Amino acid sequence: MNLQIPHLVFVAGIATYLTIRGIFSRRLRSQQKSVDKSNTGDRMLVVLVGIGQIVLPLLLLFSPLLDWARYTLPPAAAWLGTAVMAAGVWLFWRSHVDLGESWSVTLMLNPEHKLVTRGVYRAVRHPMYAAFFVLAIGQVLLLDNWFAGWASLVAVTVLYLRRVPHEEGMMLEFFGDEYRAYMQRTGGILPRLGTRNQA
């Protein structure tokens, strides 16, 4: 085991991220869902992200199995990685708070699902995926390993490209023109330039 300060920052960031997810999951555990578009493929994407965010980093930090894929990061990467990880954790938390009872891990909607367009959802439709990307970039900057460092970025990219079309299709089916108008004034994970966002 060779824990360095950037590694400890990463562990603290991921522990905070998992705590946030756990708190909101527990709050919504008993909530009924009226629309369920989840399937085995969708759940496997969640597992893939878990491997990239947690399993491979733990192998790096607590075993020698990935030592052969290490490389040297410049000292500034640790400072930048800390700031990026903190931003990712904040955005992840804020996304949960703003989404409230409309959140679920997989593709589901509750019976009284509301289209959330306030807070961070005012500018982008998928701030939680944006948070995943920011956290993944923090991981690249904090973990000095080709596999453990980059695994989350690869996994989150696959998740985003595979899941978001289905998620947006579900939202269009459920909300129709309201969601179409929301799509026109917002970006996916980055704010749409030159467009005025209205709640």
C-alpha atoms as a PDB file:
ATOM      1  CA  MET A   1       0.000   0.000   0.000  1.00  0.00           C
ATOM      2  CA  ASN A   2       1.410   3.345  -1.091  1.00  0.00           C
ATOM      3  CA  LEU A   3      -1.085   6.073  -0.182  1.00  0.00           C
ATOM      4  CA  GLN A   4       0.046   9.546  -1.186  1.00  0.00           C
ATOM      5  CA  ILE A   5      -1.734  12.832  -0.453  1.00  0.00           C
ATOM      6  CA  PRO A   6      -3.471  12.966  -3.899  1.00  0.00           C
ATOM      7  CA  HIS A   7      -4.730   9.416  -3.272  1.00  0.00           C
ATOM      8  CA  LEU A   8      -6.154  10.441   0.104  1.00  0.00           C
ATOM      9  CA  VAL A   9      -7.877  13.442  -1.510  1.00  0.00           C
ATOM     10  CA  PHE A  10      -9.433  11.083  -4.048  1.00  0.00           C
ATOM     11  CA  VAL A  11     -10.601   8.698  -1.299  1.00  0.00           C
ATOM     12  CA  ALA A  12     -12.152  11.613   0.621  1.00  0.00           C
ATOM     13  CA  GLY A  13     -13.932  12.837  -2.517  1.00  0.00           C
ATOM     14  CA  ILE A  14     -15.329   9.422  -3.431  1.00  0.00           C
ATOM     15  CA  ALA A  15     -16.343   8.747   0.190  1.00  0.00           C
ATOM     16  CA  THR A  16     -18.281  12.034   0.206  1.00  0.00           C
ATOM     17  CA  TYR A  17     -19.845  11.191  -3.167  1.00  0.00           C
ATOM     18  CA  LEU A  18     -20.951   7.750  -1.894  1.00  0.00           C
ATOM     19  CA  THR A  19     -22.335   9.305   1.300  1.00  0.00           C
ATOM     20  CA  ILE A  20     -24.439  11.746  -0.730  1.00  0.00           C
ATOM     21  CA  ARG A  21     -25.727   8.901  -2.918  1.00  0.00           C
ATOM     22  CA  GLY A  22     -26.486   6.770   0.132  1.00  0.00           C
ATOM     23  CA  ILE A  23     -28.433   9.519   1.912  1.00  0.00           C
ATOM     24  CA  PHE A  24     -30.641  10.274  -1.093  1.00  0.00           C
ATOM     25  CA  SER A  25     -31.117   6.578  -1.923  1.00  0.00           C
ATOM     26  CA  ARG A  26     -32.305   5.903   1.618  1.00  0.00           C
ATOM     27  CA  ARG A  27     -34.743   8.824   1.517  1.00  0.00           C
ATOM     28  CA  LEU A  28     -36.404   7.518  -1.633  1.00  0.00           C
ATOM     29  CA  ARG A  29     -36.213   3.786  -0.914  1.00  0.00           C
ATOM     30  CA  SER A  30     -39.958   3.296  -0.330  1.00  0.00           C
ATOM     31  CA  GLN A  31     -41.094   5.538  -3.183  1.00  0.00           C
ATOM     32  CA  GLN A  32     -43.268   3.869  -5.835  1.00  0.00           C
ATOM     33  CA  LYS A  33     -42.374   4.265  -9.509  1.00  0.00           C
ATOM     34  CA  SER A  34     -45.012   4.466 -12.237  1.00  0.00           C
ATOM     35  CA  VAL A  35     -42.605   4.299 -15.203  1.00  0.00           C
ATOM     36  CA  ASP A  36     -39.701   1.848 -15.229  1.00  0.00           C
ATOM     37  CA  LYS A  37     -37.500   1.746 -18.330  1.00  0.00           C
ATOM     38  CA  SER A  38     -34.566   0.137 -16.559  1.00  0.00           C
ATOM     39  CA  ASN A  39     -33.200  -3.145 -17.831  1.00  0.00           C
ATOM     40  CA  THR A  40     -30.187  -5.405 -17.425  1.00  0.00           C
ATOM     41  CA  GLY A  41     -28.113  -3.308 -19.830  1.00  0.00           C
ATOM     42  CA  ASP A  42     -28.858  -0.146 -17.867  1.00  0.00           C
ATOM     43  CA  ARG A  43     -27.923  -1.796 -14.581  1.00  0.00           C
ATOM     44  CA  MET A  44     -24.696  -3.108 -16.149  1.00  0.00           C
ATOM     45  CA  LEU A  45     -23.782   0.472 -17.076  1.00  0.00           C
ATOM     46  CA  VAL A  46     -24.148   1.419 -13.400  1.00  0.00           C
ATOM     47  CA  VAL A  47     -21.869  -1.508 -12.487  1.00  0.00           C
ATOM     48  CA  LEU A  48     -19.328  -0.392 -15.113  1.00  0.00           C
ATOM     49  CA  VAL A  49     -19.194   3.088 -13.579  1.00  0.00           C
ATOM     50  CA  GLY A  50     -18.782   1.538 -10.107  1.00  0.00           C
ATOM     51  CA  ILE A  51     -15.808  -0.465 -11.366  1.00  0.00           C
ATOM     52  CA  GLY A  52     -14.239   2.661 -12.853  1.00  0.00           C
ATOM     53  CA  GLN A  53     -14.947   4.941  -9.887  1.00  0.00           C
ATOM     54  CA  ILE A  54     -14.320   2.541  -7.006  1.00  0.00           C
ATOM     55  CA  VAL A  55     -13.015  -0.968  -7.781  1.00  0.00           C
ATOM     56  CA  LEU A  56      -9.994  -0.099  -9.931  1.00  0.00           C
ATOM     57  CA  PRO A  57      -8.930   2.838  -7.705  1.00  0.00           C
ATOM     58  CA  LEU A  58      -9.113   0.548  -4.648  1.00  0.00           C
ATOM     59  CA  LEU A  59      -6.941  -2.003  -6.462  1.00  0.00           C
ATOM     60  CA  LEU A  60      -4.416   0.744  -7.150  1.00  0.00           C
ATOM     61  CA  LEU A  61      -4.410   2.071  -3.594  1.00  0.00           C
ATOM     62  CA  PHE A  62      -4.479  -1.171  -1.627  1.00  0.00           C
ATOM     63  CA  SER A  63      -2.774  -3.783  -3.815  1.00  0.00           C
ATOM     64  CA  PRO A  64       0.208  -4.002  -6.191  1.00  0.00           C
ATOM     65  CA  LEU A  65      -1.883  -5.389  -9.089  1.00  0.00           C
ATOM     66  CA  LEU A  66      -1.891  -2.152 -11.087  1.00  0.00           C
ATOM     67  CA  ASP A  67       1.609  -0.936 -10.195  1.00  0.00           C
ATOM     68  CA  TRP A  68       2.853  -1.767 -13.684  1.00  0.00           C
ATOM     69  CA  ALA A  69       0.555   0.931 -15.161  1.00  0.00           C
ATOM     70  CA  ARG A  70       1.756   3.811 -12.966  1.00  0.00           C
ATOM     71  CA  TYR A  71       3.153   7.042 -14.357  1.00  0.00           C
ATOM     72  CA  THR A  72       4.313  10.339 -12.862  1.00  0.00           C
ATOM     73  CA  LEU A  73       1.968  13.289 -12.540  1.00  0.00           C
ATOM     74  CA  PRO A  74       3.274  16.859 -12.174  1.00  0.00           C
ATOM     75  CA  PRO A  75       2.894  18.351  -8.656  1.00  0.00           C
ATOM     76  CA  ALA A  76       0.328  20.879  -9.915  1.00  0.00           C
ATOM     77  CA  ALA A  77      -1.999  18.012 -10.877  1.00  0.00           C
ATOM     78  CA  ALA A  78      -2.709  17.323  -7.192  1.00  0.00           C
ATOM     79  CA  TRP A  79      -3.830  20.909  -6.541  1.00  0.00           C
ATOM     80  CA  LEU A  80      -5.923  21.052  -9.688  1.00  0.00           C
ATOM     81  CA  GLY A  81      -7.332  17.572  -8.997  1.00  0.00           C
ATOM     82  CA  THR A  82      -8.376  18.624  -5.495  1.00  0.00           C
ATOM     83  CA  ALA A  83     -10.260  21.646  -6.841  1.00  0.00           C
ATOM     84  CA  VAL A  84     -11.881  19.611  -9.625  1.00  0.00           C
ATOM     85  CA  MET A  85     -12.908  16.824  -7.236  1.00  0.00           C
ATOM     86  CA  ALA A  86     -14.446  19.362  -4.830  1.00  0.00           C
ATOM     87  CA  ALA A  87     -16.380  20.949  -7.709  1.00  0.00           C
ATOM     88  CA  GLY A  88     -17.615  17.533  -8.822  1.00  0.00           C
ATOM     89  CA  VAL A  89     -18.803  16.604  -5.328  1.00  0.00           C
ATOM     90  CA  TRP A  90     -20.614  19.946  -4.982  1.00  0.00           C
ATOM     91  CA  LEU A  91     -22.339  19.565  -8.354  1.00  0.00           C
ATOM     92  CA  PHE A  92     -23.321  15.974  -7.523  1.00  0.00           C
ATOM     93  CA  TRP A  93     -24.836  17.091  -4.192  1.00  0.00           C
ATOM     94  CA  ARG A  94     -26.574  20.096  -5.742  1.00  0.00           C
ATOM     95  CA  SER A  95     -28.047  17.925  -8.522  1.00  0.00           C
ATOM     96  CA  HIS A  96     -29.597  15.599  -5.931  1.00  0.00           C
ATOM     97  CA  VAL A  97     -30.955  18.484  -3.861  1.00  0.00           C
ATOM     98  CA  ASP A  98     -32.506  20.243  -6.859  1.00  0.00           C
ATOM     99  CA  LEU A  99     -33.959  17.024  -8.305  1.00  0.00           C
ATOM    100  CA  GLY A 100     -35.409  15.946  -4.958  1.00  0.00           C
ATOM    101  CA  GLU A 101     -37.992  13.148  -5.213  1.00  0.00           C
ATOM    102  CA  SER A 102     -37.660  13.025  -9.001  1.00  0.00           C
ATOM    103  CA  TRP A 103     -34.287  11.249  -8.742  1.00  0.00           C
ATOM    104  CA  SER A 104     -33.636   7.533  -9.236  1.00  0.00           C
ATOM    105  CA  VAL A 105     -30.520   5.468  -9.957  1.00  0.00           C
ATOM    106  CA  THR A 106     -31.983   3.865 -13.086  1.00  0.00           C
ATOM    107  CA  LEU A 107     -34.519   4.949 -15.712  1.00  0.00           C
ATOM    108  CA  MET A 108     -37.639   5.381 -13.600  1.00  0.00           C
ATOM    109  CA  LEU A 109     -40.307   8.031 -12.992  1.00  0.00           C
ATOM    110  CA  ASN A 110     -42.583   8.331  -9.971  1.00  0.00           C
ATOM    111  CA  PRO A 111     -46.373   8.779 -10.279  1.00  0.00           C
ATOM    112  CA  GLU A 112     -46.258  12.534  -9.648  1.00  0.00           C
ATOM    113  CA  HIS A 113     -42.972  13.169 -11.406  1.00  0.00           C
ATOM    114  CA  LYS A 114     -42.227  16.847 -12.007  1.00  0.00           C
ATOM    115  CA  LEU A 115     -39.944  18.258 -14.671  1.00  0.00           C
ATOM    116  CA  VAL A 116     -37.247  20.027 -12.665  1.00  0.00           C
ATOM    117  CA  THR A 117     -35.902  23.173 -14.340  1.00  0.00           C
ATOM    118  CA  ARG A 118     -34.626  25.085 -11.300  1.00  0.00           C
ATOM    119  CA  GLY A 119     -31.187  25.307  -9.698  1.00  0.00           C
ATOM    120  CA  VAL A 120     -28.467  23.588 -11.716  1.00  0.00           C
ATOM    121  CA  TYR A 121     -31.181  22.142 -13.977  1.00  0.00           C
ATOM    122  CA  ARG A 122     -31.895  25.673 -15.196  1.00  0.00           C
ATOM    123  CA  ALA A 123     -28.781  25.623 -17.391  1.00  0.00           C
ATOM    124  CA  VAL A 124     -28.267  21.917 -18.201  1.00  0.00           C
ATOM    125  CA  ARG A 125     -30.542  18.897 -18.425  1.00  0.00           C
ATOM    126  CA  HIS A 126     -28.036  16.428 -17.010  1.00  0.00           C
ATOM    127  CA  PRO A 127     -25.977  18.051 -14.241  1.00  0.00           C
ATOM    128  CA  MET A 128     -25.560  14.705 -12.480  1.00  0.00           C
ATOM    129  CA  TYR A 129     -23.800  13.289 -15.535  1.00  0.00           C
ATOM    130  CA  ALA A 130     -21.791  16.520 -15.685  1.00  0.00           C
ATOM    131  CA  ALA A 131     -20.792  15.854 -12.064  1.00  0.00           C
ATOM    132  CA  PHE A 132     -19.688  12.329 -13.041  1.00  0.00           C
ATOM    133  CA  PHE A 133     -17.460  13.798 -15.757  1.00  0.00           C
ATOM    134  CA  VAL A 134     -15.983  16.394 -13.390  1.00  0.00           C
ATOM    135  CA  LEU A 135     -15.302  13.705 -10.748  1.00  0.00           C
ATOM    136  CA  ALA A 136     -13.710  11.521 -13.436  1.00  0.00           C
ATOM    137  CA  ILE A 137     -11.381  14.363 -14.481  1.00  0.00           C
ATOM    138  CA  GLY A 138     -10.471  14.806 -10.805  1.00  0.00           C
ATOM    139  CA  GLN A 139      -9.662  11.096 -10.704  1.00  0.00           C
ATOM    140  CA  VAL A 140      -7.346  11.452 -13.721  1.00  0.00           C
ATOM    141  CA  LEU A 141      -5.512  14.281 -11.967  1.00  0.00           C
ATOM    142  CA  LEU A 142      -5.205  12.524  -8.598  1.00  0.00           C
ATOM    143  CA  LEU A 143      -4.467   8.896  -9.491  1.00  0.00           C
ATOM    144  CA  ASP A 144      -1.158   8.231 -11.219  1.00  0.00           C
ATOM    145  CA  ASN A 145      -2.243   5.137 -13.135  1.00  0.00           C
ATOM    146  CA  TRP A 146      -3.388   4.506 -16.705  1.00  0.00           C
ATOM    147  CA  PHE A 147      -6.131   2.126 -15.600  1.00  0.00           C
ATOM    148  CA  ALA A 148      -7.316   3.374 -12.213  1.00  0.00           C
ATOM    149  CA  GLY A 149      -6.878   7.021 -13.162  1.00  0.00           C
ATOM    150  CA  TRP A 150      -8.697   6.937 -16.490  1.00  0.00           C
ATOM    151  CA  ALA A 151     -11.233   4.136 -15.897  1.00  0.00           C
ATOM    152  CA  SER A 152     -13.996   6.388 -14.585  1.00  0.00           C
ATOM    153  CA  LEU A 153     -13.743   8.804 -17.509  1.00  0.00           C
ATOM    154  CA  VAL A 154     -14.113   5.916 -19.972  1.00  0.00           C
ATOM    155  CA  ALA A 155     -16.985   4.330 -18.012  1.00  0.00           C
ATOM    156  CA  VAL A 156     -18.881   7.611 -17.575  1.00  0.00           C
ATOM    157  CA  THR A 157     -18.513   8.380 -21.296  1.00  0.00           C
ATOM    158  CA  VAL A 158     -20.023   4.981 -22.162  1.00  0.00           C
ATOM    159  CA  LEU A 159     -22.815   5.540 -19.612  1.00  0.00           C
ATOM    160  CA  TYR A 160     -23.632   8.983 -20.996  1.00  0.00           C
ATOM    161  CA  LEU A 161     -23.615   7.964 -24.650  1.00  0.00           C
ATOM    162  CA  ARG A 162     -25.688   4.811 -24.064  1.00  0.00           C
ATOM    163  CA  ARG A 163     -28.152   5.972 -21.424  1.00  0.00           C
ATOM    164  CA  VAL A 164     -28.987   9.601 -22.194  1.00  0.00           C
ATOM    165  CA  PRO A 165     -30.832   8.930 -25.499  1.00  0.00           C
ATOM    166  CA  HIS A 166     -33.110   6.471 -23.636  1.00  0.00           C
ATOM    167  CA  GLU A 167     -33.529   8.860 -20.727  1.00  0.00           C
ATOM    168  CA  GLU A 168     -34.445  11.762 -22.981  1.00  0.00           C
ATOM    169  CA  GLY A 169     -36.822   9.538 -24.941  1.00  0.00           C
ATOM    170  CA  MET A 170     -38.552   8.622 -21.675  1.00  0.00           C
ATOM    171  CA  MET A 171     -38.814  12.283 -20.690  1.00  0.00           C
ATOM    172  CA  LEU A 172     -40.216  13.242 -24.097  1.00  0.00           C
ATOM    173  CA  GLU A 173     -42.777  10.464 -23.833  1.00  0.00           C
ATOM    174  CA  PHE A 174     -43.797  11.588 -20.347  1.00  0.00           C
ATOM    175  CA  PHE A 175     -43.581  15.411 -20.666  1.00  0.00           C
ATOM    176  CA  GLY A 176     -43.930  15.967 -24.424  1.00  0.00           C
ATOM    177  CA  ASP A 177     -43.730  19.585 -25.583  1.00  0.00           C
ATOM    178  CA  GLU A 178     -42.706  20.792 -22.121  1.00  0.00           C
ATOM    179  CA  TYR A 179     -39.533  18.724 -22.369  1.00  0.00           C
ATOM    180  CA  ARG A 180     -38.949  19.703 -26.010  1.00  0.00           C
ATOM    181  CA  ALA A 181     -39.005  23.363 -24.998  1.00  0.00           C
ATOM    182  CA  TYR A 182     -36.646  22.591 -22.113  1.00  0.00           C
ATOM    183  CA  MET A 183     -34.253  20.855 -24.532  1.00  0.00           C
ATOM    184  CA  GLN A 184     -34.240  23.888 -26.813  1.00  0.00           C
ATOM    185  CA  ARG A 185     -33.142  26.287 -24.077  1.00  0.00           C
ATOM    186  CA  THR A 186     -30.618  24.082 -22.252  1.00  0.00           C
ATOM    187  CA  GLY A 187     -27.516  22.064 -22.990  1.00  0.00           C
ATOM    188  CA  GLY A 188     -26.980  18.432 -22.087  1.00  0.00           C
ATOM    189  CA  ILE A 189     -24.020  18.639 -19.698  1.00  0.00           C
ATOM    190  CA  LEU A 190     -22.745  22.115 -20.676  1.00  0.00           C
ATOM    191  CA  PRO A 191     -24.864  25.285 -20.749  1.00  0.00           C
ATOM    192  CA  ARG A 192     -26.053  26.246 -24.211  1.00  0.00           C
ATOM    193  CA  LEU A 193     -24.269  29.418 -25.280  1.00  0.00           C
ATOM    194  CA  GLY A 194     -26.355  32.318 -26.509  1.00  0.00           C
ATOM    195  CA  THR A 195     -29.603  30.884 -25.150  1.00  0.00           C
ATOM    196  CA  ARG A 196     -31.449  32.457 -22.294  1.00  0.00           C
ATOM    197  CA  ASN A 197     -32.446  29.855 -19.719  1.00  0.00           C
ATOM    198  CA  GLN A 198     -35.881  30.267 -18.210  1.00  0.00           C
ATOM    199  CA  ALA A 199     -37.292  28.214 -15.375  1.00  0.00           C
END
